């Protein structure tokens, strides 16, 4: 696992806000996410990162960490092993962070596939899944689609409803 941490003062650890969560991206998080996904996809396979952070207030989490797990991946699928999931959980506990979203690439169109819906990183209410088209070769944020877990299912939501100050 690799971790990109923004250079900012983190809020003190606190309980997870109740859904719906709002995400506030620390400086450089969007760009770092896009670059990691572009590099890891290498134009040929899916890639995934996770966003983690701490609550800023009763409804907003400051995303301060981009976590890139080791995955097994091919053109149109990826999986995270149980030992890697366990390592991520241990890291989150040790750093007192909340995982709030998974961000992953698709080869072409951005959509939440059946397998994405059946095997998400988390299905906790309020957890987000962002899907990035074209193996993340576009500009940061371009074409991204956003989904939120709710009552055991996923629904698409506008990015601006999930992320404060979404670009564009």
N, C-alpha and C. Protein backbone atom coordinates (compact mmCIF):
# COMPACT_ATOMS: atom_id res chain seq x y z
N UNK A 1 0.85 -1.17 0.00
CA UNK A 1 0.00 0.00 0.00
C UNK A 1 0.90 1.24 0.00
N UNK A 2 0.52 2.21 -0.82
CA UNK A 2 1.18 3.51 -0.83
C UNK A 2 0.19 4.54 -0.31
N UNK A 3 0.71 5.57 0.34
CA UNK A 3 -0.15 6.61 0.90
C UNK A 3 0.39 7.98 0.52
N UNK A 4 -0.51 8.82 -0.03
CA UNK A 4 -0.23 10.24 -0.25
C UNK A 4 -1.00 10.99 0.82
N UNK A 5 -0.30 11.78 1.62
CA UNK A 5 -0.93 12.57 2.68
C UNK A 5 -0.74 14.04 2.36
N UNK A 6 -1.85 14.79 2.41
CA UNK A 6 -1.72 16.22 2.15
C UNK A 6 -0.98 16.87 3.31
N UNK A 7 -0.33 17.96 2.99
CA UNK A 7 0.42 18.70 4.00
C UNK A 7 -0.51 19.73 4.62
N UNK A 8 -1.27 19.28 5.60
CA UNK A 8 -2.23 20.18 6.25
C UNK A 8 -2.45 19.69 7.67
N UNK A 9 -2.94 20.58 8.49
CA UNK A 9 -3.29 20.21 9.86
C UNK A 9 -4.59 19.42 9.83
N UNK A 10 -4.56 18.23 10.40
CA UNK A 10 -5.76 17.39 10.42
C UNK A 10 -6.62 17.74 11.62
N UNK A 11 -7.93 17.63 11.44
CA UNK A 11 -8.81 17.78 12.59
C UNK A 11 -8.52 16.66 13.60
N UNK A 12 -8.94 16.86 14.83
CA UNK A 12 -8.77 15.82 15.85
C UNK A 12 -9.66 14.64 15.47
N UNK A 13 -9.25 13.43 15.83
CA UNK A 13 -10.10 12.27 15.52
C UNK A 13 -11.48 12.42 16.15
N UNK A 14 -12.49 11.95 15.43
CA UNK A 14 -13.87 12.03 15.92
C UNK A 14 -14.68 10.92 15.27
N UNK A 15 -15.89 10.73 15.78
CA UNK A 15 -16.78 9.70 15.23
C UNK A 15 -17.19 10.05 13.81
N UNK A 16 -17.51 9.01 13.04
CA UNK A 16 -17.96 9.20 11.66
C UNK A 16 -19.27 9.99 11.67
N UNK A 17 -19.35 11.04 10.86
CA UNK A 17 -20.62 11.76 10.74
C UNK A 17 -21.70 10.85 10.15
N UNK A 18 -22.93 11.11 10.50
CA UNK A 18 -24.05 10.36 9.94
C UNK A 18 -24.22 10.73 8.47
N UNK A 19 -24.63 9.78 7.64
CA UNK A 19 -24.88 10.10 6.23
C UNK A 19 -26.03 11.08 6.11
N UNK A 20 -26.08 11.90 5.10
CA UNK A 20 -25.13 11.92 3.99
C UNK A 20 -23.87 12.70 4.36
N UNK A 21 -22.72 12.12 4.04
CA UNK A 21 -21.45 12.79 4.27
C UNK A 21 -21.19 13.80 3.17
N UNK A 22 -20.50 14.86 3.55
CA UNK A 22 -19.94 15.80 2.56
C UNK A 22 -18.43 15.60 2.64
N UNK A 23 -17.78 15.61 1.51
CA UNK A 23 -16.34 15.48 1.48
C UNK A 23 -15.71 16.82 1.13
N UNK A 24 -14.65 17.14 1.82
CA UNK A 24 -13.86 18.33 1.53
C UNK A 24 -12.47 17.84 1.17
N UNK A 25 -12.05 18.11 -0.07
CA UNK A 25 -10.76 17.60 -0.54
C UNK A 25 -9.64 18.53 -0.12
N UNK A 26 -8.65 17.96 0.53
CA UNK A 26 -7.46 18.73 0.86
C UNK A 26 -6.74 19.14 -0.42
N UNK A 27 -5.83 20.12 -0.31
CA UNK A 27 -5.11 20.60 -1.49
C UNK A 27 -4.34 19.48 -2.18
N UNK A 28 -4.55 19.34 -3.47
CA UNK A 28 -3.81 18.37 -4.26
C UNK A 28 -4.39 16.97 -4.27
N UNK A 29 -5.46 16.70 -3.50
CA UNK A 29 -6.01 15.34 -3.43
C UNK A 29 -6.56 14.91 -4.79
N UNK A 30 -7.33 15.75 -5.45
CA UNK A 30 -7.91 15.38 -6.74
C UNK A 30 -6.81 15.08 -7.76
N UNK A 31 -5.83 15.96 -7.83
CA UNK A 31 -4.74 15.79 -8.79
C UNK A 31 -3.89 14.56 -8.47
N UNK A 32 -3.59 14.34 -7.20
CA UNK A 32 -2.81 13.17 -6.80
C UNK A 32 -3.57 11.88 -7.12
N UNK A 33 -4.87 11.89 -6.88
CA UNK A 33 -5.69 10.72 -7.17
C UNK A 33 -5.65 10.39 -8.66
N UNK A 34 -5.88 11.41 -9.48
CA UNK A 34 -5.88 11.20 -10.94
C UNK A 34 -4.52 10.70 -11.41
N UNK A 35 -3.44 11.26 -10.90
CA UNK A 35 -2.10 10.85 -11.33
C UNK A 35 -1.79 9.41 -10.92
N UNK A 36 -2.13 9.06 -9.69
CA UNK A 36 -1.89 7.68 -9.23
C UNK A 36 -2.69 6.70 -10.08
N UNK A 37 -3.96 7.02 -10.34
CA UNK A 37 -4.78 6.11 -11.13
C UNK A 37 -4.29 6.00 -12.56
N UNK A 38 -3.86 7.11 -13.14
CA UNK A 38 -3.32 7.09 -14.51
C UNK A 38 -2.07 6.21 -14.56
N UNK A 39 -1.19 6.39 -13.58
CA UNK A 39 0.06 5.62 -13.53
C UNK A 39 -0.21 4.14 -13.30
N UNK A 40 -1.05 3.83 -12.31
CA UNK A 40 -1.34 2.44 -11.98
C UNK A 40 -2.10 1.73 -13.10
N UNK A 41 -3.00 2.44 -13.78
CA UNK A 41 -3.75 1.84 -14.89
C UNK A 41 -2.83 1.57 -16.09
N UNK A 42 -1.89 2.49 -16.31
CA UNK A 42 -0.94 2.35 -17.42
C UNK A 42 -1.65 2.08 -18.75
N UNK A 43 -2.87 2.63 -18.89
CA UNK A 43 -3.60 2.49 -20.14
C UNK A 43 -4.08 1.09 -20.45
N UNK A 44 -3.95 0.17 -19.48
CA UNK A 44 -4.28 -1.22 -19.82
C UNK A 44 -5.05 -2.00 -18.75
N UNK A 45 -5.14 -1.46 -17.53
CA UNK A 45 -5.81 -2.23 -16.48
C UNK A 45 -6.49 -1.27 -15.49
N UNK A 46 -7.47 -1.82 -14.79
CA UNK A 46 -8.15 -1.01 -13.78
C UNK A 46 -7.21 -0.73 -12.62
N UNK A 47 -7.48 0.37 -11.93
CA UNK A 47 -6.70 0.76 -10.75
C UNK A 47 -7.66 1.37 -9.74
N UNK A 48 -7.22 1.41 -8.47
CA UNK A 48 -8.09 1.88 -7.40
C UNK A 48 -7.28 2.62 -6.35
N UNK A 49 -7.88 3.68 -5.83
CA UNK A 49 -7.37 4.36 -4.64
C UNK A 49 -8.53 4.51 -3.67
N UNK A 50 -8.18 4.84 -2.45
CA UNK A 50 -9.18 5.12 -1.42
C UNK A 50 -8.94 6.52 -0.88
N UNK A 51 -10.01 7.20 -0.52
CA UNK A 51 -9.89 8.47 0.17
C UNK A 51 -10.19 8.24 1.63
N UNK A 52 -9.38 8.83 2.48
CA UNK A 52 -9.58 8.73 3.92
C UNK A 52 -9.30 10.09 4.55
N UNK A 53 -9.86 10.30 5.72
CA UNK A 53 -9.63 11.55 6.43
C UNK A 53 -10.30 11.53 7.78
N UNK A 54 -10.52 12.73 8.29
CA UNK A 54 -11.16 12.89 9.60
C UNK A 54 -12.30 13.89 9.48
N UNK A 55 -13.30 13.75 10.37
CA UNK A 55 -14.41 14.69 10.34
C UNK A 55 -13.93 16.12 10.61
N UNK A 56 -14.42 17.03 9.81
CA UNK A 56 -14.15 18.45 10.00
C UNK A 56 -15.24 19.07 10.86
N UNK A 57 -16.46 18.56 10.71
CA UNK A 57 -17.60 19.02 11.49
C UNK A 57 -18.63 17.89 11.51
N UNK A 58 -19.86 18.19 11.88
CA UNK A 58 -20.88 17.15 12.07
C UNK A 58 -21.31 16.47 10.77
N UNK A 59 -20.95 17.03 9.61
CA UNK A 59 -21.39 16.40 8.35
C UNK A 59 -20.28 16.29 7.30
N UNK A 60 -19.12 16.86 7.56
CA UNK A 60 -18.06 16.93 6.54
C UNK A 60 -16.80 16.22 6.99
N UNK A 61 -16.23 15.45 6.07
CA UNK A 61 -14.93 14.79 6.32
C UNK A 61 -13.89 15.45 5.43
N UNK A 62 -12.78 15.87 6.04
CA UNK A 62 -11.65 16.40 5.29
C UNK A 62 -10.87 15.21 4.74
N UNK A 63 -10.83 15.07 3.42
CA UNK A 63 -10.07 14.00 2.78
C UNK A 63 -8.61 14.44 2.75
N UNK A 64 -7.80 13.73 3.51
CA UNK A 64 -6.40 14.11 3.68
C UNK A 64 -5.43 13.04 3.19
N UNK A 65 -5.93 11.86 2.87
CA UNK A 65 -5.08 10.75 2.47
C UNK A 65 -5.63 10.06 1.22
N UNK A 66 -4.74 9.78 0.29
CA UNK A 66 -5.04 8.95 -0.88
C UNK A 66 -4.26 7.66 -0.67
N UNK A 67 -4.98 6.58 -0.48
CA UNK A 67 -4.36 5.28 -0.20
C UNK A 67 -4.47 4.42 -1.45
N UNK A 68 -3.34 3.90 -1.88
CA UNK A 68 -3.32 3.05 -3.07
C UNK A 68 -2.97 1.62 -2.65
N UNK A 69 -3.97 0.76 -2.59
CA UNK A 69 -3.69 -0.62 -2.21
C UNK A 69 -3.00 -1.39 -3.33
N UNK A 70 -2.33 -2.45 -2.96
CA UNK A 70 -1.81 -3.40 -3.94
C UNK A 70 -3.03 -4.21 -4.40
N UNK A 71 -3.25 -4.26 -5.70
CA UNK A 71 -4.39 -4.98 -6.25
C UNK A 71 -3.91 -5.95 -7.32
N UNK A 72 -4.75 -6.93 -7.59
CA UNK A 72 -4.58 -7.76 -8.78
C UNK A 72 -5.58 -7.21 -9.78
N UNK A 73 -5.12 -6.90 -11.00
CA UNK A 73 -6.01 -6.23 -11.94
C UNK A 73 -5.70 -6.63 -13.38
N UNK A 74 -6.72 -6.45 -14.21
CA UNK A 74 -6.60 -6.63 -15.64
C UNK A 74 -7.42 -5.54 -16.31
N UNK A 75 -7.67 -5.70 -17.59
CA UNK A 75 -8.33 -4.66 -18.38
C UNK A 75 -9.67 -4.20 -17.78
N UNK A 76 -10.48 -5.13 -17.28
CA UNK A 76 -11.81 -4.74 -16.83
C UNK A 76 -12.21 -5.34 -15.48
N UNK A 77 -11.23 -5.55 -14.60
CA UNK A 77 -11.53 -6.02 -13.25
C UNK A 77 -10.35 -5.76 -12.34
N UNK A 78 -10.63 -5.76 -11.06
CA UNK A 78 -9.56 -5.72 -10.06
C UNK A 78 -10.08 -6.32 -8.77
N UNK A 79 -9.14 -6.76 -7.94
CA UNK A 79 -9.50 -7.30 -6.64
C UNK A 79 -8.41 -6.94 -5.63
N UNK A 80 -8.84 -6.76 -4.40
CA UNK A 80 -7.92 -6.47 -3.30
C UNK A 80 -7.92 -7.70 -2.41
N UNK A 81 -6.74 -8.23 -2.15
CA UNK A 81 -6.65 -9.45 -1.33
C UNK A 81 -7.06 -9.16 0.12
N UNK A 82 -7.44 -10.21 0.82
CA UNK A 82 -7.79 -10.08 2.23
C UNK A 82 -6.62 -9.54 3.06
N UNK A 83 -5.38 -10.02 2.86
CA UNK A 83 -4.27 -9.44 3.63
C UNK A 83 -4.09 -7.93 3.37
N UNK A 84 -4.31 -7.50 2.13
CA UNK A 84 -4.18 -6.06 1.83
C UNK A 84 -5.32 -5.28 2.49
N UNK A 85 -6.52 -5.81 2.47
CA UNK A 85 -7.65 -5.15 3.15
C UNK A 85 -7.36 -5.04 4.65
N UNK A 86 -6.79 -6.11 5.21
CA UNK A 86 -6.45 -6.11 6.63
C UNK A 86 -5.39 -5.06 6.93
N UNK A 87 -4.39 -4.93 6.06
CA UNK A 87 -3.34 -3.93 6.24
C UNK A 87 -3.92 -2.51 6.17
N UNK A 88 -4.85 -2.30 5.27
CA UNK A 88 -5.49 -0.99 5.14
C UNK A 88 -6.28 -0.68 6.41
N UNK A 89 -7.05 -1.64 6.89
CA UNK A 89 -7.83 -1.44 8.12
C UNK A 89 -6.92 -1.11 9.30
N UNK A 90 -5.79 -1.81 9.40
CA UNK A 90 -4.85 -1.54 10.50
C UNK A 90 -4.27 -0.13 10.37
N UNK A 91 -3.94 0.29 9.15
CA UNK A 91 -3.41 1.63 8.93
C UNK A 91 -4.44 2.68 9.32
N UNK A 92 -5.68 2.49 8.89
CA UNK A 92 -6.74 3.46 9.22
C UNK A 92 -6.93 3.57 10.73
N UNK A 93 -6.94 2.45 11.42
CA UNK A 93 -7.08 2.47 12.89
C UNK A 93 -5.89 3.19 13.54
N UNK A 94 -4.69 2.83 13.11
CA UNK A 94 -3.48 3.41 13.71
C UNK A 94 -3.44 4.93 13.52
N UNK A 95 -3.83 5.39 12.34
CA UNK A 95 -3.79 6.83 12.04
C UNK A 95 -5.09 7.55 12.43
N UNK A 96 -6.06 6.81 12.94
CA UNK A 96 -7.36 7.34 13.34
C UNK A 96 -8.05 8.07 12.19
N UNK A 97 -8.14 7.36 11.06
CA UNK A 97 -8.75 7.88 9.84
C UNK A 97 -10.01 7.10 9.51
N UNK A 98 -10.88 7.74 8.75
CA UNK A 98 -12.09 7.11 8.24
C UNK A 98 -11.95 6.94 6.73
N UNK A 99 -12.18 5.74 6.22
CA UNK A 99 -12.26 5.55 4.77
C UNK A 99 -13.62 6.06 4.32
N UNK A 100 -13.65 6.92 3.30
CA UNK A 100 -14.91 7.54 2.89
C UNK A 100 -15.27 7.28 1.43
N UNK A 101 -14.29 6.83 0.62
CA UNK A 101 -14.59 6.60 -0.80
C UNK A 101 -13.56 5.69 -1.43
N UNK A 102 -14.03 4.92 -2.41
CA UNK A 102 -13.09 4.27 -3.32
C UNK A 102 -13.23 4.94 -4.67
N UNK A 103 -12.11 5.07 -5.34
CA UNK A 103 -12.05 5.73 -6.63
C UNK A 103 -11.34 4.76 -7.55
N UNK A 104 -12.02 4.34 -8.60
CA UNK A 104 -11.38 3.37 -9.49
C UNK A 104 -11.65 3.68 -10.96
N UNK A 105 -10.77 3.14 -11.79
CA UNK A 105 -10.85 3.40 -13.22
C UNK A 105 -11.63 2.32 -13.95
N UNK A 106 -12.13 2.71 -15.11
CA UNK A 106 -12.68 1.78 -16.09
C UNK A 106 -11.97 2.06 -17.41
N UNK A 107 -11.97 1.07 -18.32
CA UNK A 107 -11.26 1.27 -19.59
C UNK A 107 -11.88 2.36 -20.46
N UNK A 108 -13.19 2.48 -20.45
CA UNK A 108 -13.86 3.48 -21.29
C UNK A 108 -14.86 4.26 -20.45
N UNK A 109 -16.13 3.90 -20.55
CA UNK A 109 -17.18 4.66 -19.86
C UNK A 109 -17.10 4.49 -18.34
N UNK A 110 -17.49 5.55 -17.64
CA UNK A 110 -17.56 5.52 -16.17
C UNK A 110 -18.98 5.13 -15.77
N UNK A 111 -19.10 4.01 -15.07
CA UNK A 111 -20.38 3.56 -14.54
C UNK A 111 -20.07 2.56 -13.43
N UNK A 112 -21.03 2.34 -12.56
CA UNK A 112 -20.85 1.36 -11.49
C UNK A 112 -21.36 0.02 -12.01
N UNK A 113 -20.44 -0.88 -12.30
CA UNK A 113 -20.80 -2.17 -12.89
C UNK A 113 -21.46 -3.07 -11.85
N UNK A 114 -22.02 -4.17 -12.32
CA UNK A 114 -22.64 -5.14 -11.40
C UNK A 114 -21.61 -5.65 -10.40
N UNK A 115 -20.40 -5.93 -10.85
CA UNK A 115 -19.36 -6.45 -9.94
C UNK A 115 -18.96 -5.36 -8.95
N UNK A 116 -18.90 -4.09 -9.40
CA UNK A 116 -18.61 -2.98 -8.49
C UNK A 116 -19.67 -2.91 -7.39
N UNK A 117 -20.91 -3.13 -7.75
CA UNK A 117 -22.02 -3.07 -6.80
C UNK A 117 -21.99 -4.26 -5.84
N UNK A 118 -21.56 -5.42 -6.32
CA UNK A 118 -21.56 -6.63 -5.51
C UNK A 118 -20.33 -6.74 -4.61
N UNK A 119 -19.19 -6.15 -5.02
CA UNK A 119 -17.95 -6.33 -4.26
C UNK A 119 -17.24 -5.00 -4.02
N UNK A 120 -17.92 -4.04 -3.40
CA UNK A 120 -17.28 -2.74 -3.15
C UNK A 120 -16.25 -2.85 -2.03
N UNK A 121 -15.41 -1.83 -1.92
CA UNK A 121 -14.49 -1.80 -0.78
C UNK A 121 -15.29 -1.71 0.51
N UNK A 122 -16.36 -0.90 0.50
CA UNK A 122 -17.26 -0.79 1.64
C UNK A 122 -18.66 -0.55 1.12
N UNK A 123 -19.64 -1.06 1.83
CA UNK A 123 -21.04 -0.78 1.47
C UNK A 123 -21.76 -0.06 2.60
N UNK A 124 -20.97 0.51 3.51
CA UNK A 124 -21.53 1.28 4.62
C UNK A 124 -22.32 2.47 4.08
N UNK A 125 -23.51 2.73 4.64
CA UNK A 125 -24.29 3.89 4.20
C UNK A 125 -23.42 5.15 4.25
N UNK A 126 -23.46 5.90 3.15
CA UNK A 126 -22.69 7.13 3.07
C UNK A 126 -21.32 6.97 2.42
N UNK A 127 -20.87 5.72 2.20
CA UNK A 127 -19.57 5.50 1.54
C UNK A 127 -19.74 5.78 0.05
N UNK A 128 -18.76 6.45 -0.54
CA UNK A 128 -18.82 6.83 -1.95
C UNK A 128 -17.96 5.92 -2.81
N UNK A 129 -18.41 5.76 -4.05
CA UNK A 129 -17.61 5.12 -5.10
C UNK A 129 -17.58 6.09 -6.27
N UNK A 130 -16.37 6.47 -6.67
CA UNK A 130 -16.18 7.31 -7.85
C UNK A 130 -15.58 6.44 -8.94
N UNK A 131 -16.12 6.56 -10.14
CA UNK A 131 -15.62 5.77 -11.27
C UNK A 131 -15.06 6.74 -12.30
N UNK A 132 -13.84 6.46 -12.75
CA UNK A 132 -13.11 7.35 -13.65
C UNK A 132 -12.96 6.67 -15.00
N UNK A 133 -13.37 7.33 -16.09
CA UNK A 133 -13.29 6.71 -17.41
C UNK A 133 -11.87 6.75 -17.99
N UNK A 134 -11.69 5.99 -19.06
CA UNK A 134 -10.48 6.06 -19.90
C UNK A 134 -9.19 5.85 -19.13
N UNK A 135 -9.23 4.95 -18.15
CA UNK A 135 -8.05 4.66 -17.33
C UNK A 135 -7.40 5.93 -16.79
N UNK A 136 -8.22 6.95 -16.48
CA UNK A 136 -7.76 8.20 -15.84
C UNK A 136 -6.81 9.01 -16.72
N UNK A 137 -6.99 8.93 -18.04
CA UNK A 137 -6.11 9.70 -18.93
C UNK A 137 -6.60 11.12 -19.18
N UNK A 138 -7.82 11.43 -18.75
CA UNK A 138 -8.37 12.77 -18.93
C UNK A 138 -7.89 13.71 -17.82
N UNK A 139 -8.33 14.95 -17.85
CA UNK A 139 -7.98 15.92 -16.82
C UNK A 139 -8.61 15.51 -15.49
N UNK A 140 -8.00 15.89 -14.37
CA UNK A 140 -8.54 15.53 -13.05
C UNK A 140 -10.01 15.91 -12.91
N UNK A 141 -10.83 14.92 -12.56
CA UNK A 141 -12.25 15.14 -12.34
C UNK A 141 -13.13 15.01 -13.58
N UNK A 142 -12.53 15.07 -14.79
CA UNK A 142 -13.33 15.01 -16.02
C UNK A 142 -13.95 13.63 -16.20
N UNK A 143 -15.25 13.61 -16.37
CA UNK A 143 -15.97 12.38 -16.65
C UNK A 143 -16.21 11.48 -15.45
N UNK A 144 -15.73 11.89 -14.27
CA UNK A 144 -15.94 11.07 -13.08
C UNK A 144 -17.44 10.97 -12.80
N UNK A 145 -17.86 9.78 -12.33
CA UNK A 145 -19.23 9.61 -11.85
C UNK A 145 -19.17 9.19 -10.40
N UNK A 146 -20.16 9.62 -9.65
CA UNK A 146 -20.16 9.44 -8.20
C UNK A 146 -21.41 8.66 -7.77
N UNK A 147 -21.19 7.68 -6.91
CA UNK A 147 -22.26 6.85 -6.37
C UNK A 147 -22.12 6.81 -4.86
N UNK A 148 -23.25 6.65 -4.17
CA UNK A 148 -23.22 6.56 -2.71
C UNK A 148 -23.99 5.32 -2.28
N UNK A 149 -23.44 4.63 -1.28
CA UNK A 149 -24.12 3.47 -0.71
C UNK A 149 -25.26 3.96 0.17
N UNK A 150 -26.42 3.34 0.00
CA UNK A 150 -27.58 3.73 0.80
C UNK A 150 -28.56 2.57 0.86
N UNK A 151 -28.88 2.14 2.06
CA UNK A 151 -29.84 1.05 2.29
C UNK A 151 -29.53 -0.20 1.47
N UNK A 152 -28.26 -0.59 1.45
CA UNK A 152 -27.87 -1.82 0.77
C UNK A 152 -27.77 -1.74 -0.73
N UNK A 153 -27.87 -0.54 -1.29
CA UNK A 153 -27.76 -0.37 -2.74
C UNK A 153 -26.90 0.86 -3.02
N UNK A 154 -26.72 1.17 -4.27
CA UNK A 154 -25.93 2.32 -4.71
C UNK A 154 -26.80 3.22 -5.55
N UNK A 155 -26.66 4.53 -5.33
CA UNK A 155 -27.37 5.48 -6.18
C UNK A 155 -26.38 6.54 -6.66
N UNK A 156 -26.58 6.96 -7.89
CA UNK A 156 -25.71 7.99 -8.44
C UNK A 156 -26.11 9.34 -7.87
N UNK A 157 -25.12 10.14 -7.54
CA UNK A 157 -25.35 11.49 -7.03
C UNK A 157 -24.44 12.46 -7.78
N UNK A 158 -24.87 13.70 -7.96
CA UNK A 158 -23.99 14.69 -8.57
C UNK A 158 -22.74 14.89 -7.71
N UNK A 159 -21.60 15.01 -8.34
CA UNK A 159 -20.33 15.18 -7.60
C UNK A 159 -20.39 16.39 -6.69
N UNK A 160 -21.03 17.46 -7.14
CA UNK A 160 -21.10 18.67 -6.32
C UNK A 160 -21.94 18.47 -5.07
N UNK A 161 -22.79 17.43 -5.06
CA UNK A 161 -23.58 17.12 -3.86
C UNK A 161 -22.79 16.29 -2.87
N UNK A 162 -21.70 15.68 -3.33
CA UNK A 162 -20.87 14.84 -2.47
C UNK A 162 -19.62 15.57 -2.00
N UNK A 163 -19.06 16.42 -2.87
CA UNK A 163 -17.76 17.05 -2.61
C UNK A 163 -17.90 18.57 -2.62
N UNK A 164 -17.51 19.20 -1.51
CA UNK A 164 -17.51 20.66 -1.45
C UNK A 164 -16.56 21.21 -2.51
N UNK A 165 -16.93 22.27 -3.15
CA UNK A 165 -16.07 22.96 -4.12
C UNK A 165 -15.57 22.05 -5.23
N UNK A 166 -16.44 21.16 -5.75
CA UNK A 166 -16.05 20.32 -6.87
C UNK A 166 -15.70 21.22 -8.05
N UNK A 167 -14.57 20.97 -8.73
CA UNK A 167 -14.18 21.84 -9.84
C UNK A 167 -15.18 21.77 -11.01
N UNK A 168 -15.35 22.91 -11.66
CA UNK A 168 -16.20 22.97 -12.86
C UNK A 168 -17.58 23.06 -12.54
